[in-house]
Amino acid sequence: MWKTKKLFNTESEKTLALIVDELHKFLGNIIAKSKEIFVAGEDLEDKDVSARIVRRAQGEQLDETFLVNTTVSFVMAGQDTICSALTWFFWRLFPPIPLYSKEAVEDDIWPDGKKVKKGTSIIYHIFAMGTSQELWSSDWADFHLERWLERRKSGTSYNDDRNFIARDPFTYPVFQAAPRTCLGKEIAVVLMKMVVATILKRFLLFYSVFLGTRFCI
């Protein structure tokens, strides 16, 4: 419906356009000041997202529009998804975004031979993938620490030490994958670690929590 409303320039779309324009101008001014500081040879401390983006963009042929859009992505994607991720953190079953969609910008062929035409919308259900018996076996609802641990091999035998093995992002694409990986992934992970460290120290942990069962006061 928004395409139709935008075509006829309805009141809501007109208001949205004004707000977006103001936001872009505001962020554009911040980025321009950060670039001036950097060009002047002054120390550009990474005190905010825009400063870090400008620093990382040096040497790349990136125009100001790209930098502004990247900053908007951090603001919009970071706020809602991080809040949602923290809300559901202790229930592993619920990802910040239950499903996501993409649109093919040109004709493509998937690895399995399936042809995708330009303009085709692809929707994948992250929540369903996280509860799939095909991917996680029949005990998908249980938390087993061993799912992410692999016994270390010493010579020709295995010992009791274990390594953490991260699941590939295509199996459970909570933060998406490859070039489309979420911009706020690292921020979200750091914040979740901080929240867990702050909350769990208020609880009495039983040994069973390390085996993947539960904890209580």
C-alpha atoms as a PDB file:
ATOM      1  CA  MET A   1       0.000   0.000   0.000  1.00  0.00           C
ATOM      2  CA  TRP A   2       2.853   2.413   0.714  1.00  0.00           C
ATOM      3  CA  LYS A   3       3.815   2.484  -2.960  1.00  0.00           C
ATOM      4  CA  THR A   4       0.315   3.624  -3.885  1.00  0.00           C
ATOM      5  CA  LYS A   5       0.294   6.223  -1.107  1.00  0.00           C
ATOM      6  CA  LYS A   6       3.698   7.479  -2.235  1.00  0.00           C
ATOM      7  CA  LEU A   7       2.518   7.704  -5.844  1.00  0.00           C
ATOM      8  CA  PHE A   8      -0.381   9.949  -4.848  1.00  0.00           C
ATOM      9  CA  ASN A   9       1.754  11.793  -2.283  1.00  0.00           C
ATOM     10  CA  THR A  10      -0.714  11.296   0.559  1.00  0.00           C
ATOM     11  CA  GLU A  11      -0.378  13.236   3.795  1.00  0.00           C
ATOM     12  CA  SER A  12       1.433  10.447   5.628  1.00  0.00           C
ATOM     13  CA  GLU A  13       3.949   9.962   2.799  1.00  0.00           C
ATOM     14  CA  LYS A  14       4.473  13.709   2.508  1.00  0.00           C
ATOM     15  CA  THR A  15       5.181  13.943   6.247  1.00  0.00           C
ATOM     16  CA  LEU A  16       7.515  10.955   6.099  1.00  0.00           C
ATOM     17  CA  ALA A  17       9.467  12.510   3.218  1.00  0.00           C
ATOM     18  CA  LEU A  18       9.975  15.710   5.220  1.00  0.00           C
ATOM     19  CA  ILE A  19      11.139  13.775   8.284  1.00  0.00           C
ATOM     20  CA  VAL A  20      13.573  11.655   6.246  1.00  0.00           C
ATOM     21  CA  ASP A  21      14.960  14.786   4.599  1.00  0.00           C
ATOM     22  CA  GLU A  22      15.535  16.448   7.980  1.00  0.00           C
ATOM     23  CA  LEU A  23      17.206  13.331   9.345  1.00  0.00           C
ATOM     24  CA  HIS A  24      19.537  13.116   6.352  1.00  0.00           C
ATOM     25  CA  LYS A  25      20.476  16.783   6.694  1.00  0.00           C
ATOM     26  CA  PHE A  26      21.152  16.356  10.414  1.00  0.00           C
ATOM     27  CA  LEU A  27      23.353  13.296   9.916  1.00  0.00           C
ATOM     28  CA  GLY A  28      25.012  14.884   6.870  1.00  0.00           C
ATOM     29  CA  ASN A  29      26.144  17.840   8.986  1.00  0.00           C
ATOM     30  CA  ILE A  30      27.576  15.549  11.664  1.00  0.00           C
ATOM     31  CA  ILE A  31      29.480  13.472   9.105  1.00  0.00           C
ATOM     32  CA  ALA A  32      30.760  16.603   7.341  1.00  0.00           C
ATOM     33  CA  LYS A  33      32.159  17.934  10.637  1.00  0.00           C
ATOM     34  CA  SER A  34      33.789  14.583  11.377  1.00  0.00           C
ATOM     35  CA  LYS A  35      35.420  14.590   7.933  1.00  0.00           C
ATOM     36  CA  GLU A  36      36.720  18.128   8.469  1.00  0.00           C
ATOM     37  CA  ILE A  37      38.331  17.096  11.754  1.00  0.00           C
ATOM     38  CA  PHE A  38      39.913  14.068  10.109  1.00  0.00           C
ATOM     39  CA  VAL A  39      41.226  16.032   7.106  1.00  0.00           C
ATOM     40  CA  ALA A  40      42.681  18.671   9.439  1.00  0.00           C
ATOM     41  CA  GLY A  41      44.806  15.954  10.995  1.00  0.00           C
ATOM     42  CA  GLU A  42      43.161  16.202  14.389  1.00  0.00           C
ATOM     43  CA  ASP A  43      42.467  13.122  16.460  1.00  0.00           C
ATOM     44  CA  LEU A  44      39.048  11.740  15.491  1.00  0.00           C
ATOM     45  CA  GLU A  45      38.002   9.770  18.535  1.00  0.00           C
ATOM     46  CA  ASP A  46      35.453   7.028  18.024  1.00  0.00           C
ATOM     47  CA  LYS A  47      32.956   8.624  20.397  1.00  0.00           C
ATOM     48  CA  ASP A  48      29.963   7.965  18.176  1.00  0.00           C
ATOM     49  CA  VAL A  49      28.868   5.855  15.219  1.00  0.00           C
ATOM     50  CA  SER A  50      29.396   8.606  12.619  1.00  0.00           C
ATOM     51  CA  ALA A  51      33.017   9.161  13.709  1.00  0.00           C
ATOM     52  CA  ARG A  52      33.754   5.462  13.409  1.00  0.00           C
ATOM     53  CA  ILE A  53      32.119   5.262   9.984  1.00  0.00           C
ATOM     54  CA  VAL A  54      34.137   8.232   8.708  1.00  0.00           C
ATOM     55  CA  ARG A  55      37.356   6.718  10.031  1.00  0.00           C
ATOM     56  CA  ARG A  56      36.695   3.335   8.423  1.00  0.00           C
ATOM     57  CA  ALA A  57      35.642   4.965   5.128  1.00  0.00           C
ATOM     58  CA  GLN A  58      38.956   6.768   4.578  1.00  0.00           C
ATOM     59  CA  GLY A  59      40.642   5.526   1.429  1.00  0.00           C
ATOM     60  CA  GLU A  60      37.374   4.204   0.027  1.00  0.00           C
ATOM     61  CA  GLN A  61      35.482   5.926  -2.771  1.00  0.00           C
ATOM     62  CA  LEU A  62      32.354   6.460  -0.716  1.00  0.00           C
ATOM     63  CA  ASP A  63      30.203   9.526  -1.190  1.00  0.00           C
ATOM     64  CA  GLU A  64      28.385  11.356   1.586  1.00  0.00           C
ATOM     65  CA  THR A  65      25.034   9.799   0.650  1.00  0.00           C
ATOM     66  CA  PHE A  66      26.442   6.326   1.295  1.00  0.00           C
ATOM     67  CA  LEU A  67      27.827   7.403   4.676  1.00  0.00           C
ATOM     68  CA  VAL A  68      24.503   8.980   5.685  1.00  0.00           C
ATOM     69  CA  ASN A  69      22.554   5.866   4.663  1.00  0.00           C
ATOM     70  CA  THR A  70      24.978   3.661   6.594  1.00  0.00           C
ATOM     71  CA  THR A  71      24.476   5.783   9.706  1.00  0.00           C
ATOM     72  CA  VAL A  72      20.685   5.585   9.290  1.00  0.00           C
ATOM     73  CA  SER A  73      20.957   1.805   9.051  1.00  0.00           C
ATOM     74  CA  PHE A  74      22.851   1.710  12.341  1.00  0.00           C
ATOM     75  CA  VAL A  75      20.248   3.881  14.054  1.00  0.00           C
ATOM     76  CA  MET A  76      17.149   2.170  12.667  1.00  0.00           C
ATOM     77  CA  ALA A  77      18.382  -1.432  12.685  1.00  0.00           C
ATOM     78  CA  GLY A  78      20.223  -1.136  15.971  1.00  0.00           C
ATOM     79  CA  GLN A  79      17.517   0.347  18.187  1.00  0.00           C
ATOM     80  CA  ASP A  80      14.599  -2.011  17.518  1.00  0.00           C
ATOM     81  CA  THR A  81      16.512  -5.246  16.991  1.00  0.00           C
ATOM     82  CA  ILE A  82      18.773  -4.817  20.013  1.00  0.00           C
ATOM     83  CA  CYS A  83      15.792  -4.077  22.270  1.00  0.00           C
ATOM     84  CA  SER A  84      14.009  -7.124  20.907  1.00  0.00           C
ATOM     85  CA  ALA A  85      17.106  -9.308  21.233  1.00  0.00           C
ATOM     86  CA  LEU A  86      17.581  -8.326  24.875  1.00  0.00           C
ATOM     87  CA  THR A  87      13.897  -8.942  25.622  1.00  0.00           C
ATOM     88  CA  TRP A  88      14.022 -12.513  24.310  1.00  0.00           C
ATOM     89  CA  PHE A  89      17.633 -13.264  25.222  1.00  0.00           C
ATOM     90  CA  PHE A  90      16.939 -15.867  27.910  1.00  0.00           C
ATOM     91  CA  TRP A  91      14.418 -17.656  25.669  1.00  0.00           C
ATOM     92  CA  ARG A  92      16.602 -18.943  22.894  1.00  0.00           C
ATOM     93  CA  LEU A  93      13.578 -19.780  20.736  1.00  0.00           C
ATOM     94  CA  PHE A  94      12.734 -16.223  19.757  1.00  0.00           C
ATOM     95  CA  PRO A  95      14.982 -14.261  17.369  1.00  0.00           C
ATOM     96  CA  PRO A  96      14.831 -10.442  17.258  1.00  0.00           C
ATOM     97  CA  ILE A  97      13.173 -10.618  13.828  1.00  0.00           C
ATOM     98  CA  PRO A  98      11.021 -13.724  13.118  1.00  0.00           C
ATOM     99  CA  LEU A  99      11.158 -13.488   9.331  1.00  0.00           C
ATOM    100  CA  TYR A 100      12.920 -11.445   6.695  1.00  0.00           C
ATOM    101  CA  SER A 101      12.549 -10.726   3.003  1.00  0.00           C
ATOM    102  CA  LYS A 102      14.846  -9.869   0.125  1.00  0.00           C
ATOM    103  CA  GLU A 103      14.214  -8.767  -3.441  1.00  0.00           C
ATOM    104  CA  ALA A 104      16.371  -9.930  -6.349  1.00  0.00           C
ATOM    105  CA  VAL A 105      17.935  -6.942  -8.153  1.00  0.00           C
ATOM    106  CA  GLU A 106      18.728  -9.128 -11.171  1.00  0.00           C
ATOM    107  CA  ASP A 107      18.210 -12.661 -12.486  1.00  0.00           C
ATOM    108  CA  ASP A 108      20.071 -15.244 -10.439  1.00  0.00           C
ATOM    109  CA  ILE A 109      20.549 -18.995 -10.044  1.00  0.00           C
ATOM    110  CA  TRP A 110      20.774 -20.560  -6.604  1.00  0.00           C
ATOM    111  CA  PRO A 111      23.304 -23.304  -5.750  1.00  0.00           C
ATOM    112  CA  ASP A 112      20.561 -25.950  -6.034  1.00  0.00           C
ATOM    113  CA  GLY A 113      19.775 -24.810  -9.580  1.00  0.00           C
ATOM    114  CA  LYS A 114      16.622 -22.861  -8.758  1.00  0.00           C
ATOM    115  CA  LYS A 115      16.189 -19.806 -11.003  1.00  0.00           C
ATOM    116  CA  VAL A 116      15.196 -16.494  -9.451  1.00  0.00           C
ATOM    117  CA  LYS A 117      13.894 -13.709 -11.670  1.00  0.00           C
ATOM    118  CA  LYS A 118      14.650 -10.030 -11.176  1.00  0.00           C
ATOM    119  CA  GLY A 119      12.141  -8.411  -8.813  1.00  0.00           C
ATOM    120  CA  THR A 120      11.237 -11.695  -7.094  1.00  0.00           C
ATOM    121  CA  SER A 121      10.638 -11.345  -3.354  1.00  0.00           C
ATOM    122  CA  ILE A 122      12.227 -14.042  -1.214  1.00  0.00           C
ATOM    123  CA  ILE A 123      10.985 -14.543   2.343  1.00  0.00           C
ATOM    124  CA  TYR A 124      12.777 -16.784   4.833  1.00  0.00           C
ATOM    125  CA  HIS A 125      11.370 -17.620   8.251  1.00  0.00           C
ATOM    126  CA  ILE A 126      14.116 -17.347  10.871  1.00  0.00           C
ATOM    127  CA  PHE A 127      11.885 -18.538  13.712  1.00  0.00           C
ATOM    128  CA  ALA A 128      10.843 -21.657  11.783  1.00  0.00           C
ATOM    129  CA  MET A 129      14.470 -22.421  10.956  1.00  0.00           C
ATOM    130  CA  GLY A 130      15.351 -22.211  14.650  1.00  0.00           C
ATOM    131  CA  THR A 131      12.692 -24.791  15.537  1.00  0.00           C
ATOM    132  CA  SER A 132      13.355 -27.134  12.622  1.00  0.00           C
ATOM    133  CA  GLN A 133      13.878 -30.793  13.556  1.00  0.00           C
ATOM    134  CA  GLU A 134      15.721 -31.260  10.278  1.00  0.00           C
ATOM    135  CA  LEU A 135      18.355 -28.730  11.371  1.00  0.00           C
ATOM    136  CA  TRP A 136      18.428 -29.251  15.163  1.00  0.00           C
ATOM    137  CA  SER A 137      17.020 -32.777  15.661  1.00  0.00           C
ATOM    138  CA  SER A 138      13.908 -33.719  17.655  1.00  0.00           C
ATOM    139  CA  ASP A 139      15.160 -32.049  20.851  1.00  0.00           C
ATOM    140  CA  TRP A 140      15.386 -28.607  19.215  1.00  0.00           C
ATOM    141  CA  ALA A 141      13.502 -27.004  22.135  1.00  0.00           C
ATOM    142  CA  ASP A 142      16.168 -28.033  24.663  1.00  0.00           C
ATOM    143  CA  PHE A 143      19.324 -26.058  25.278  1.00  0.00           C
ATOM    144  CA  HIS A 144      22.360 -28.301  24.970  1.00  0.00           C
ATOM    145  CA  LEU A 145      25.703 -26.623  25.374  1.00  0.00           C
ATOM    146  CA  GLU A 146      27.263 -29.477  23.427  1.00  0.00           C
ATOM    147  CA  ARG A 147      25.630 -28.185  20.249  1.00  0.00           C
ATOM    148  CA  TRP A 148      28.306 -25.505  20.162  1.00  0.00           C
ATOM    149  CA  LEU A 149      31.223 -27.468  21.604  1.00  0.00           C
ATOM    150  CA  GLU A 150      33.664 -29.813  19.922  1.00  0.00           C
ATOM    151  CA  ARG A 151      36.096 -32.052  21.749  1.00  0.00           C
ATOM    152  CA  ARG A 152      39.730 -31.242  21.109  1.00  0.00           C
ATOM    153  CA  LYS A 153      41.855 -33.881  19.490  1.00  0.00           C
ATOM    154  CA  SER A 154      45.222 -34.731  20.996  1.00  0.00           C
ATOM    155  CA  GLY A 155      47.221 -36.862  18.611  1.00  0.00           C
ATOM    156  CA  THR A 156      45.004 -39.783  17.627  1.00  0.00           C
ATOM    157  CA  SER A 157      42.589 -39.467  20.569  1.00  0.00           C
ATOM    158  CA  TYR A 158      40.187 -36.897  21.948  1.00  0.00           C
ATOM    159  CA  ASN A 159      40.515 -35.327  25.384  1.00  0.00           C
ATOM    160  CA  ASP A 160      37.928 -33.655  27.642  1.00  0.00           C
ATOM    161  CA  ASP A 161      38.811 -30.125  26.542  1.00  0.00           C
ATOM    162  CA  ARG A 162      36.346 -28.571  24.145  1.00  0.00           C
ATOM    163  CA  ASN A 163      36.378 -25.773  21.585  1.00  0.00           C
ATOM    164  CA  PHE A 164      33.501 -23.435  20.871  1.00  0.00           C
ATOM    165  CA  ILE A 165      32.198 -23.974  17.347  1.00  0.00           C
ATOM    166  CA  ALA A 166      29.891 -21.245  16.074  1.00  0.00           C
ATOM    167  CA  ARG A 167      27.028 -22.291  13.845  1.00  0.00           C
ATOM    168  CA  ASP A 168      27.282 -20.926  10.340  1.00  0.00           C
ATOM    169  CA  PRO A 169      25.005 -17.888   9.768  1.00  0.00           C
ATOM    170  CA  PHE A 170      23.159 -19.630   6.931  1.00  0.00           C
ATOM    171  CA  THR A 171      21.821 -22.339   9.242  1.00  0.00           C
ATOM    172  CA  TYR A 172      20.335 -19.821  11.641  1.00  0.00           C
ATOM    173  CA  PRO A 173      20.545 -16.354  10.015  1.00  0.00           C
ATOM    174  CA  VAL A 174      19.545 -14.231  13.014  1.00  0.00           C
ATOM    175  CA  PHE A 175      21.979 -11.538  11.897  1.00  0.00           C
ATOM    176  CA  GLN A 176      21.710 -12.521   8.219  1.00  0.00           C
ATOM    177  CA  ALA A 177      24.890 -13.583   6.421  1.00  0.00           C
ATOM    178  CA  ALA A 178      27.647 -12.818   3.934  1.00  0.00           C
ATOM    179  CA  PRO A 179      27.623  -9.248   2.505  1.00  0.00           C
ATOM    180  CA  ARG A 180      24.202  -8.629   4.062  1.00  0.00           C
ATOM    181  CA  THR A 181      25.286  -9.324   7.651  1.00  0.00           C
ATOM    182  CA  CYS A 182      23.540  -6.984  10.094  1.00  0.00           C
ATOM    183  CA  LEU A 183      25.470  -3.766  10.679  1.00  0.00           C
ATOM    184  CA  GLY A 184      24.581  -3.814  14.354  1.00  0.00           C
ATOM    185  CA  LYS A 185      25.628  -7.428  14.997  1.00  0.00           C
ATOM    186  CA  GLU A 186      28.744  -6.637  17.033  1.00  0.00           C
ATOM    187  CA  ILE A 187      26.951  -3.938  19.023  1.00  0.00           C
ATOM    188  CA  ALA A 188      24.079  -6.318  19.813  1.00  0.00           C
ATOM    189  CA  VAL A 189      26.409  -9.126  20.903  1.00  0.00           C
ATOM    190  CA  VAL A 190      28.423  -6.828  23.183  1.00  0.00           C
ATOM    191  CA  LEU A 191      25.264  -5.410  24.785  1.00  0.00           C
ATOM    192  CA  MET A 192      23.832  -8.882  25.360  1.00  0.00           C
ATOM    193  CA  LYS A 193      27.053  -9.968  27.064  1.00  0.00           C
ATOM    194  CA  MET A 194      26.900  -6.891  29.300  1.00  0.00           C
ATOM    195  CA  VAL A 195      23.278  -7.554  30.244  1.00  0.00           C
ATOM    196  CA  VAL A 196      23.942 -11.239  30.965  1.00  0.00           C
ATOM    197  CA  ALA A 197      26.958 -10.383  33.139  1.00  0.00           C
ATOM    198  CA  THR A 198      24.881  -7.821  35.054  1.00  0.00           C
ATOM    199  CA  ILE A 199      21.794  -9.992  35.573  1.00  0.00           C
ATOM    200  CA  LEU A 200      23.229 -13.447  36.169  1.00  0.00           C
ATOM    201  CA  LYS A 201      25.466 -12.301  39.015  1.00  0.00           C
ATOM    202  CA  ARG A 202      22.259 -11.614  40.955  1.00  0.00           C
ATOM    203  CA  PHE A 203      21.234 -15.254  40.665  1.00  0.00           C
ATOM    204  CA  LEU A 204      22.487 -18.416  42.307  1.00  0.00           C
ATOM    205  CA  LEU A 205      23.678 -20.634  39.494  1.00  0.00           C
ATOM    206  CA  PHE A 206      23.502 -24.373  39.806  1.00  0.00           C
ATOM    207  CA  TYR A 207      25.921 -26.622  38.019  1.00  0.00           C
ATOM    208  CA  SER A 208      23.041 -27.756  35.839  1.00  0.00           C
ATOM    209  CA  VAL A 209      23.006 -24.422  34.007  1.00  0.00           C
ATOM    210  CA  PHE A 210      26.292 -25.359  32.366  1.00  0.00           C
ATOM    211  CA  LEU A 211      24.691 -28.560  31.196  1.00  0.00           C
ATOM    212  CA  GLY A 212      21.902 -26.608  29.564  1.00  0.00           C
ATOM    213  CA  THR A 213      18.949 -26.943  31.939  1.00  0.00           C
ATOM    214  CA  ARG A 214      17.972 -23.985  34.148  1.00  0.00           C
ATOM    215  CA  PHE A 215      18.921 -21.599  36.928  1.00  0.00           C
ATOM    216  CA  CYS A 216      16.978 -20.165  39.855  1.00  0.00           C
ATOM    217  CA  ILE A 217      17.262 -17.629  42.661  1.00  0.00           C
END
